Amino acid sequence: MEGASREYKLEETALQIRKIGNSVGVILPKELLARLNLKEGDKFYPVEQPDGSLRLSPFNPKHARTMEIARQVMHEYRDTFAALAK
């Protein structure tokens, strides 16, 4: 057996909801945290996909949408912003 490296198999992982104090939570295995590039205290967001599944993302979808609107406004009024910057 060469190398003791084990590849993490996401499809073989079952997460369980557990009572934590007065709340409930999901304990994420360290391999999954590493794969998601997350550490204790980080936030991540569930994003519903068109097929009804969920995707976990470190990016806030509301913030991303707000930034897209800001980019559109800045592009539309670029001449006005350039004049104001003088």
PDB file of N, CA and C in Angstrom:
ATOM      1  N   MET A   1       0.849  -1.182   0.000  1.00  0.00           N
ATOM      2  CA  MET A   1       0.000   0.000   0.000  1.00  0.00           C
ATOM      3  C   MET A   1       0.887   1.235   0.000  1.00  0.00           C
ATOM      4  N   GLU A   2       0.931   1.949  -1.102  1.00  0.00           N
ATOM      5  CA  GLU A   2       1.769   3.135  -1.231  1.00  0.00           C
ATOM      6  C   GLU A   2       1.059   4.353  -0.694  1.00  0.00           C
ATOM      7  N   GLY A   3       1.705   5.086   0.204  1.00  0.00           N
ATOM      8  CA  GLY A   3       1.124   6.319   0.739  1.00  0.00           C
ATOM      9  C   GLY A   3      -0.175   6.060   1.470  1.00  0.00           C
ATOM     10  N   ALA A   4      -0.333   6.690   2.573  1.00  0.00           N
ATOM     11  CA  ALA A   4      -1.540   6.475   3.363  1.00  0.00           C
ATOM     12  C   ALA A   4      -2.579   7.554   3.107  1.00  0.00           C
ATOM     13  N   SER A   5      -2.487   8.223   1.970  1.00  0.00           N
ATOM     14  CA  SER A   5      -3.432   9.308   1.689  1.00  0.00           C
ATOM     15  C   SER A   5      -4.800   8.727   1.354  1.00  0.00           C
ATOM     16  N   ARG A   6      -5.797   9.225   2.027  1.00  0.00           N
ATOM     17  CA  ARG A   6      -7.172   8.818   1.773  1.00  0.00           C
ATOM     18  C   ARG A   6      -7.886   9.958   1.086  1.00  0.00           C
ATOM     19  N   GLU A   7      -8.528   9.649  -0.017  1.00  0.00           N
ATOM     20  CA  GLU A   7      -9.297  10.674  -0.713  1.00  0.00           C
ATOM     21  C   GLU A   7     -10.672  10.768  -0.058  1.00  0.00           C
ATOM     22  N   TYR A   8     -11.084  11.968   0.248  1.00  0.00           N
ATOM     23  CA  TYR A   8     -12.378  12.190   0.898  1.00  0.00           C
ATOM     24  C   TYR A   8     -13.488  11.962  -0.104  1.00  0.00           C
ATOM     25  N   LYS A   9     -14.423  11.102   0.227  1.00  0.00           N
ATOM     26  CA  LYS A   9     -15.551  10.777  -0.651  1.00  0.00           C
ATOM     27  C   LYS A   9     -16.805  11.453  -0.124  1.00  0.00           C
ATOM     28  N   LEU A  10     -17.186  12.557  -0.748  1.00  0.00           N
ATOM     29  CA  LEU A  10     -18.339  13.336  -0.314  1.00  0.00           C
ATOM     30  C   LEU A  10     -19.627  12.516  -0.335  1.00  0.00           C
ATOM     31  N   GLU A  11     -19.803  11.721  -1.385  1.00  0.00           N
ATOM     32  CA  GLU A  11     -21.046  10.961  -1.511  1.00  0.00           C
ATOM     33  C   GLU A  11     -21.189   9.880  -0.441  1.00  0.00           C
ATOM     34  N   GLU A  12     -20.107   9.540   0.262  1.00  0.00           N
ATOM     35  CA  GLU A  12     -20.170   8.543   1.325  1.00  0.00           C
ATOM     36  C   GLU A  12     -20.396   9.175   2.696  1.00  0.00           C
ATOM     37  N   THR A  13     -20.553  10.491   2.748  1.00  0.00           N
ATOM     38  CA  THR A  13     -20.700  11.205   4.004  1.00  0.00           C
ATOM     39  C   THR A  13     -22.159  11.516   4.283  1.00  0.00           C
ATOM     40  N   ALA A  14     -22.620  11.084   5.449  1.00  0.00           N
ATOM     41  CA  ALA A  14     -23.964  11.437   5.888  1.00  0.00           C
ATOM     42  C   ALA A  14     -23.824  12.390   7.066  1.00  0.00           C
ATOM     43  N   LEU A  15     -24.474  13.528   6.984  1.00  0.00           N
ATOM     44  CA  LEU A  15     -24.444  14.497   8.072  1.00  0.00           C
ATOM     45  C   LEU A  15     -25.683  14.312   8.915  1.00  0.00           C
ATOM     46  N   GLN A  16     -25.535  14.487  10.209  1.00  0.00           N
ATOM     47  CA  GLN A  16     -26.652  14.281  11.118  1.00  0.00           C
ATOM     48  C   GLN A  16     -26.928  15.563  11.886  1.00  0.00           C
ATOM     49  N   ILE A  17     -28.205  15.881  12.040  1.00  0.00           N
ATOM     50  CA  ILE A  17     -28.600  17.037  12.839  1.00  0.00           C
ATOM     51  C   ILE A  17     -28.557  16.611  14.295  1.00  0.00           C
ATOM     52  N   ARG A  18     -27.868  17.412  15.120  1.00  0.00           N
ATOM     53  CA  ARG A  18     -27.696  17.078  16.531  1.00  0.00           C
ATOM     54  C   ARG A  18     -28.067  18.260  17.410  1.00  0.00           C
ATOM     55  N   LYS A  19     -28.482  17.944  18.609  1.00  0.00           N
ATOM     56  CA  LYS A  19     -28.788  18.974  19.599  1.00  0.00           C
ATOM     57  C   LYS A  19     -27.473  19.530  20.125  1.00  0.00           C
ATOM     58  N   ILE A  20     -27.361  20.860  20.102  1.00  0.00           N
ATOM     59  CA  ILE A  20     -26.183  21.550  20.624  1.00  0.00           C
ATOM     60  C   ILE A  20     -26.716  22.633  21.551  1.00  0.00           C
ATOM     61  N   GLY A  21     -26.675  22.388  22.859  1.00  0.00           N
ATOM     62  CA  GLY A  21     -27.263  23.320  23.812  1.00  0.00           C
ATOM     63  C   GLY A  21     -28.761  23.372  23.593  1.00  0.00           C
ATOM     64  N   ASN A  22     -29.304  24.587  23.430  1.00  0.00           N
ATOM     65  CA  ASN A  22     -30.734  24.758  23.176  1.00  0.00           C
ATOM     66  C   ASN A  22     -31.058  24.819  21.689  1.00  0.00           C
ATOM     67  N   SER A  23     -30.072  24.575  20.854  1.00  0.00           N
ATOM     68  CA  SER A  23     -30.253  24.651  19.404  1.00  0.00           C
ATOM     69  C   SER A  23     -29.964  23.294  18.780  1.00  0.00           C
ATOM     70  N   VAL A  24     -30.076  23.239  17.479  1.00  0.00           N
ATOM     71  CA  VAL A  24     -29.646  22.058  16.735  1.00  0.00           C
ATOM     72  C   VAL A  24     -28.642  22.518  15.694  1.00  0.00           C
ATOM     73  N   GLY A  25     -27.769  21.630  15.310  1.00  0.00           N
ATOM     74  CA  GLY A  25     -26.761  21.985  14.330  1.00  0.00           C
ATOM     75  C   GLY A  25     -26.268  20.754  13.609  1.00  0.00           C
ATOM     76  N   VAL A  26     -25.431  20.978  12.629  1.00  0.00           N
ATOM     77  CA  VAL A  26     -24.818  19.915  11.859  1.00  0.00           C
ATOM     78  C   VAL A  26     -23.321  19.998  12.093  1.00  0.00           C
ATOM     79  N   ILE A  27     -22.722  18.892  12.453  1.00  0.00           N
ATOM     80  CA  ILE A  27     -21.277  18.833  12.638  1.00  0.00           C
ATOM     81  C   ILE A  27     -20.667  18.465  11.294  1.00  0.00           C
ATOM     82  N   LEU A  28     -19.764  19.312  10.805  1.00  0.00           N
ATOM     83  CA  LEU A  28     -19.109  19.051   9.527  1.00  0.00           C
ATOM     84  C   LEU A  28     -17.758  18.389   9.783  1.00  0.00           C
ATOM     85  N   PRO A  29     -17.488  17.276   9.128  1.00  0.00           N
ATOM     86  CA  PRO A  29     -16.186  16.632   9.295  1.00  0.00           C
ATOM     87  C   PRO A  29     -15.058  17.542   8.813  1.00  0.00           C
ATOM     88  N   LYS A  30     -13.874  17.374   9.418  1.00  0.00           N
ATOM     89  CA  LYS A  30     -12.759  18.260   9.069  1.00  0.00           C
ATOM     90  C   LYS A  30     -12.396  18.163   7.591  1.00  0.00           C
ATOM     91  N   GLU A  31     -12.597  16.987   6.980  1.00  0.00           N
ATOM     92  CA  GLU A  31     -12.296  16.836   5.557  1.00  0.00           C
ATOM     93  C   GLU A  31     -13.226  17.697   4.697  1.00  0.00           C
ATOM     94  N   LEU A  32     -14.491  17.771   5.103  1.00  0.00           N
ATOM     95  CA  LEU A  32     -15.449  18.601   4.375  1.00  0.00           C
ATOM     96  C   LEU A  32     -15.137  20.078   4.569  1.00  0.00           C
ATOM     97  N   LEU A  33     -14.768  20.462   5.794  1.00  0.00           N
ATOM     98  CA  LEU A  33     -14.369  21.854   6.041  1.00  0.00           C
ATOM     99  C   LEU A  33     -13.181  22.234   5.166  1.00  0.00           C
ATOM    100  N   ALA A  34     -12.218  21.330   5.058  1.00  0.00           N
ATOM    101  CA  ALA A  34     -11.046  21.599   4.223  1.00  0.00           C
ATOM    102  C   ALA A  34     -11.455  21.739   2.758  1.00  0.00           C
ATOM    103  N   ARG A  35     -12.348  20.866   2.312  1.00  0.00           N
ATOM    104  CA  ARG A  35     -12.795  20.922   0.913  1.00  0.00           C
ATOM    105  C   ARG A  35     -13.531  22.222   0.610  1.00  0.00           C
ATOM    106  N   LEU A  36     -14.308  22.714   1.586  1.00  0.00           N
ATOM    107  CA  LEU A  36     -15.043  23.969   1.417  1.00  0.00           C
ATOM    108  C   LEU A  36     -14.190  25.186   1.758  1.00  0.00           C
ATOM    109  N   ASN A  37     -12.968  24.943   2.228  1.00  0.00           N
ATOM    110  CA  ASN A  37     -12.052  26.010   2.637  1.00  0.00           C
ATOM    111  C   ASN A  37     -12.681  26.876   3.735  1.00  0.00           C
ATOM    112  N   LEU A  38     -13.260  26.205   4.740  1.00  0.00           N
ATOM    113  CA  LEU A  38     -13.923  26.886   5.842  1.00  0.00           C
ATOM    114  C   LEU A  38     -13.236  26.534   7.153  1.00  0.00           C
ATOM    115  N   LYS A  39     -13.357  27.437   8.118  1.00  0.00           N
ATOM    116  CA  LYS A  39     -12.861  27.173   9.462  1.00  0.00           C
ATOM    117  C   LYS A  39     -13.904  27.670  10.453  1.00  0.00           C
ATOM    118  N   GLU A  40     -13.719  27.343  11.713  1.00  0.00           N
ATOM    119  CA  GLU A  40     -14.676  27.738  12.728  1.00  0.00           C
ATOM    120  C   GLU A  40     -14.911  29.243  12.686  1.00  0.00           C
ATOM    121  N   GLY A  41     -16.163  29.639  12.712  1.00  0.00           N
ATOM    122  CA  GLY A  41     -16.529  31.055  12.695  1.00  0.00           C
ATOM    123  C   GLY A  41     -16.843  31.595  11.315  1.00  0.00           C
ATOM    124  N   ASP A  42     -16.412  30.889  10.257  1.00  0.00           N
ATOM    125  CA  ASP A  42     -16.727  31.338   8.896  1.00  0.00           C
ATOM    126  C   ASP A  42     -18.215  31.182   8.630  1.00  0.00           C
ATOM    127  N   LYS A  43     -18.701  31.977   7.706  1.00  0.00           N
ATOM    128  CA  LYS A  43     -20.100  31.882   7.287  1.00  0.00           C
ATOM    129  C   LYS A  43     -20.147  31.284   5.896  1.00  0.00           C
ATOM    130  N   PHE A  44     -21.189  30.504   5.654  1.00  0.00           N
ATOM    131  CA  PHE A  44     -21.450  30.038   4.304  1.00  0.00           C
ATOM    132  C   PHE A  44     -22.958  30.038   4.101  1.00  0.00           C
ATOM    133  N   TYR A  45     -23.369  30.066   2.868  1.00  0.00           N
ATOM    134  CA  TYR A  45     -24.771  30.294   2.535  1.00  0.00           C
ATOM    135  C   TYR A  45     -25.309  29.151   1.680  1.00  0.00           C
ATOM    136  N   PRO A  46     -26.498  28.662   2.016  1.00  0.00           N
ATOM    137  CA  PRO A  46     -27.141  27.693   1.128  1.00  0.00           C
ATOM    138  C   PRO A  46     -27.802  28.448  -0.023  1.00  0.00           C
ATOM    139  N   VAL A  47     -27.549  28.013  -1.237  1.00  0.00           N
ATOM    140  CA  VAL A  47     -28.119  28.656  -2.426  1.00  0.00           C
ATOM    141  C   VAL A  47     -28.927  27.597  -3.170  1.00  0.00           C
ATOM    142  N   GLU A  48     -30.238  27.851  -3.305  1.00  0.00           N
ATOM    143  CA  GLU A  48     -31.088  26.886  -3.998  1.00  0.00           C
ATOM    144  C   GLU A  48     -30.813  26.935  -5.493  1.00  0.00           C
ATOM    145  N   GLN A  49     -30.682  25.775  -6.084  1.00  0.00           N
ATOM    146  CA  GLN A  49     -30.402  25.638  -7.507  1.00  0.00           C
ATOM    147  C   GLN A  49     -31.715  25.432  -8.267  1.00  0.00           C
ATOM    148  N   PRO A  50     -31.719  25.666  -9.571  1.00  0.00           N
ATOM    149  CA  PRO A  50     -32.947  25.512 -10.360  1.00  0.00           C
ATOM    150  C   PRO A  50     -33.579  24.118 -10.247  1.00  0.00           C
ATOM    151  N   ASP A  51     -32.758  23.094 -10.026  1.00  0.00           N
ATOM    152  CA  ASP A  51     -33.301  21.733  -9.914  1.00  0.00           C
ATOM    153  C   ASP A  51     -33.795  21.408  -8.507  1.00  0.00           C
ATOM    154  N   GLY A  52     -33.757  22.394  -7.591  1.00  0.00           N
ATOM    155  CA  GLY A  52     -34.237  22.193  -6.229  1.00  0.00           C
ATOM    156  C   GLY A  52     -33.162  21.760  -5.250  1.00  0.00           C
ATOM    157  N   SER A  53     -31.971  21.428  -5.747  1.00  0.00           N
ATOM    158  CA  SER A  53     -30.880  21.045  -4.854  1.00  0.00           C
ATOM    159  C   SER A  53     -30.290  22.300  -4.209  1.00  0.00           C
ATOM    160  N   LEU A  54     -29.436  22.105  -3.235  1.00  0.00           N
ATOM    161  CA  LEU A  54     -28.778  23.220  -2.557  1.00  0.00           C
ATOM    162  C   LEU A  54     -27.279  23.186  -2.823  1.00  0.00           C
ATOM    163  N   ARG A  55     -26.703  24.356  -2.955  1.00  0.00           N
ATOM    164  CA  ARG A  55     -25.263  24.496  -3.106  1.00  0.00           C
ATOM    165  C   ARG A  55     -24.789  25.327  -1.931  1.00  0.00           C
ATOM    166  N   LEU A  56     -23.707  24.913  -1.289  1.00  0.00           N
ATOM    167  CA  LEU A  56     -23.131  25.695  -0.200  1.00  0.00           C
ATOM    168  C   LEU A  56     -22.050  26.593  -0.771  1.00  0.00           C
ATOM    169  N   SER A  57     -22.120  27.870  -0.428  1.00  0.00           N
ATOM    170  CA  SER A  57     -21.183  28.829  -0.987  1.00  0.00           C
ATOM    171  C   SER A  57     -20.682  29.777   0.097  1.00  0.00           C
ATOM    172  N   PRO A  58     -19.391  30.125   0.069  1.00  0.00           N
ATOM    173  CA  PRO A  58     -18.895  31.121   1.016  1.00  0.00           C
ATOM    174  C   PRO A  58     -19.297  32.543   0.625  1.00  0.00           C
ATOM    175  N   PHE A  59     -19.905  32.700  -0.527  1.00  0.00           N
ATOM    176  CA  PHE A  59     -20.287  34.017  -1.020  1.00  0.00           C
ATOM    177  C   PHE A  59     -21.759  34.290  -0.736  1.00  0.00           C
ATOM    178  N   ASN A  60     -22.044  35.471  -0.222  1.00  0.00           N
ATOM    179  CA  ASN A  60     -23.409  35.869   0.091  1.00  0.00           C
ATOM    180  C   ASN A  60     -24.117  36.226  -1.215  1.00  0.00           C
ATOM    181  N   PRO A  61     -25.149  35.477  -1.595  1.00  0.00           N
ATOM    182  CA  PRO A  61     -25.816  35.761  -2.868  1.00  0.00           C
ATOM    183  C   PRO A  61     -26.483  37.135  -2.903  1.00  0.00           C
ATOM    184  N   LYS A  62     -26.952  37.642  -1.769  1.00  0.00           N
ATOM    185  CA  LYS A  62     -27.554  38.975  -1.741  1.00  0.00           C
ATOM    186  C   LYS A  62     -26.493  40.036  -2.020  1.00  0.00           C
ATOM    187  N   HIS A  63     -25.305  39.854  -1.452  1.00  0.00           N
ATOM    188  CA  HIS A  63     -24.220  40.802  -1.693  1.00  0.00           C
ATOM    189  C   HIS A  63     -23.799  40.755  -3.161  1.00  0.00           C
ATOM    190  N   ALA A  64     -23.715  39.556  -3.718  1.00  0.00           N
ATOM    191  CA  ALA A  64     -23.333  39.413  -5.128  1.00  0.00           C
ATOM    192  C   ALA A  64     -24.342  40.123  -6.029  1.00  0.00           C
ATOM    193  N   ARG A  65     -25.621  39.990  -5.742  1.00  0.00           N
ATOM    194  CA  ARG A  65     -26.657  40.654  -6.550  1.00  0.00           C
ATOM    195  C   ARG A  65     -26.569  42.167  -6.400  1.00  0.00           C
ATOM    196  N   THR A  66     -26.330  42.637  -5.181  1.00  0.00           N
ATOM    197  CA  THR A  66     -26.178  44.076  -4.944  1.00  0.00           C
ATOM    198  C   THR A  66     -24.989  44.621  -5.734  1.00  0.00           C
ATOM    199  N   MET A  67     -23.882  43.886  -5.749  1.00  0.00           N
ATOM    200  CA  MET A  67     -22.700  44.336  -6.496  1.00  0.00           C
ATOM    201  C   MET A  67     -22.968  44.350  -7.997  1.00  0.00           C
ATOM    202  N   GLU A  68     -23.727  43.407  -8.488  1.00  0.00           N
ATOM    203  CA  GLU A  68     -24.073  43.388  -9.912  1.00  0.00           C
ATOM    204  C   GLU A  68     -24.900  44.617 -10.279  1.00  0.00           C
ATOM    205  N   ILE A  69     -25.856  44.977  -9.439  1.00  0.00           N
ATOM    206  CA  ILE A  69     -26.662  46.184  -9.669  1.00  0.00           C
ATOM    207  C   ILE A  69     -25.770  47.420  -9.640  1.00  0.00           C
ATOM    208  N   ALA A  70     -24.837  47.474  -8.684  1.00  0.00           N
ATOM    209  CA  ALA A  70     -23.917  48.618  -8.592  1.00  0.00           C
ATOM    210  C   ALA A  70     -23.063  48.727  -9.853  1.00  0.00           C
ATOM    211  N   ARG A  71     -22.590  47.596 -10.368  1.00  0.00           N
ATOM    212  CA  ARG A  71     -21.781  47.620 -11.603  1.00  0.00           C
ATOM    213  C   ARG A  71     -22.607  48.145 -12.779  1.00  0.00           C
ATOM    214  N   GLN A  72     -23.864  47.734 -12.864  1.00  0.00           N
ATOM    215  CA  GLN A  72     -24.731  48.206 -13.950  1.00  0.00           C
ATOM    216  C   GLN A  72     -24.945  49.713 -13.857  1.00  0.00           C
ATOM    217  N   VAL A  73     -25.193  50.209 -12.635  1.00  0.00           N
ATOM    218  CA  VAL A  73     -25.405  51.652 -12.440  1.00  0.00           C
ATOM    219  C   VAL A  73     -24.136  52.422 -12.789  1.00  0.00           C
ATOM    220  N   MET A  74     -22.986  51.933 -12.323  1.00  0.00           N
ATOM    221  CA  MET A  74     -21.721  52.625 -12.615  1.00  0.00           C
ATOM    222  C   MET A  74     -21.439  52.647 -14.111  1.00  0.00           C
ATOM    223  N   HIS A  75     -21.779  51.561 -14.797  1.00  0.00           N
ATOM    224  CA  HIS A  75     -21.571  51.532 -16.243  1.00  0.00           C
ATOM    225  C   HIS A  75     -22.513  52.506 -16.948  1.00  0.00           C
ATOM    226  N   GLU A  76     -23.768  52.504 -16.540  1.00  0.00           N
ATOM    227  CA  GLU A  76     -24.763  53.366 -17.173  1.00  0.00           C
ATOM    228  C   GLU A  76     -24.447  54.842 -16.975  1.00  0.00           C
ATOM    229  N   TYR A  77     -23.949  55.200 -15.805  1.00  0.00           N
ATOM    230  CA  TYR A  77     -23.678  56.606 -15.485  1.00  0.00           C
ATOM    231  C   TYR A  77     -22.183  56.906 -15.422  1.00  0.00           C
ATOM    232  N   ARG A  78     -21.377  56.177 -16.201  1.00  0.00           N
ATOM    233  CA  ARG A  78     -19.915  56.360 -16.149  1.00  0.00           C
ATOM    234  C   ARG A  78     -19.495  57.781 -16.510  1.00  0.00           C
ATOM    235  N   ASP A  79     -20.173  58.415 -17.473  1.00  0.00           N
ATOM    236  CA  ASP A  79     -19.817  59.789 -17.847  1.00  0.00           C
ATOM    237  C   ASP A  79     -20.099  60.749 -16.693  1.00  0.00           C
ATOM    238  N   THR A  80     -21.222  60.557 -16.028  1.00  0.00           N
ATOM    239  CA  THR A  80     -21.592  61.405 -14.881  1.00  0.00           C
ATOM    240  C   THR A  80     -20.568  61.241 -13.763  1.00  0.00           C
ATOM    241  N   PHE A  81     -20.203  59.997 -13.461  1.00  0.00           N
ATOM    242  CA  PHE A  81     -19.215  59.745 -12.405  1.00  0.00           C
ATOM    243  C   PHE A  81     -17.864  60.326 -12.765  1.00  0.00           C
ATOM    244  N   ALA A  82     -17.488  60.239 -14.036  1.00  0.00           N
ATOM    245  CA  ALA A  82     -16.208  60.799 -14.479  1.00  0.00           C
ATOM    246  C   ALA A  82     -16.208  62.305 -14.317  1.00  0.00           C
ATOM    247  N   ALA A  83     -17.321  62.961 -14.650  1.00  0.00           N
ATOM    248  CA  ALA A  83     -17.428  64.412 -14.492  1.00  0.00           C
ATOM    249  C   ALA A  83     -17.374  64.818 -13.015  1.00  0.00           C
ATOM    250  N   LEU A  84     -18.025  64.043 -12.172  1.00  0.00           N
ATOM    251  CA  LEU A  84     -18.026  64.349 -10.737  1.00  0.00           C
ATOM    252  C   LEU A  84     -16.645  64.119 -10.107  1.00  0.00           C
ATOM    253  N   ALA A  85     -15.870  63.253 -10.688  1.00  0.00           N
ATOM    254  CA  ALA A  85     -14.552  62.940 -10.142  1.00  0.00           C
ATOM    255  C   ALA A  85     -13.516  64.019 -10.447  1.00  0.00           C
ATOM    256  N   LYS A  86     -13.835  64.926 -11.351  1.00  0.00           N
ATOM    257  CA  LYS A  86     -12.876  65.977 -11.741  1.00  0.00           C
ATOM    258  C   LYS A  86     -12.744  67.020 -10.652  1.00  0.00           C
TER     259      LYS A  86
END
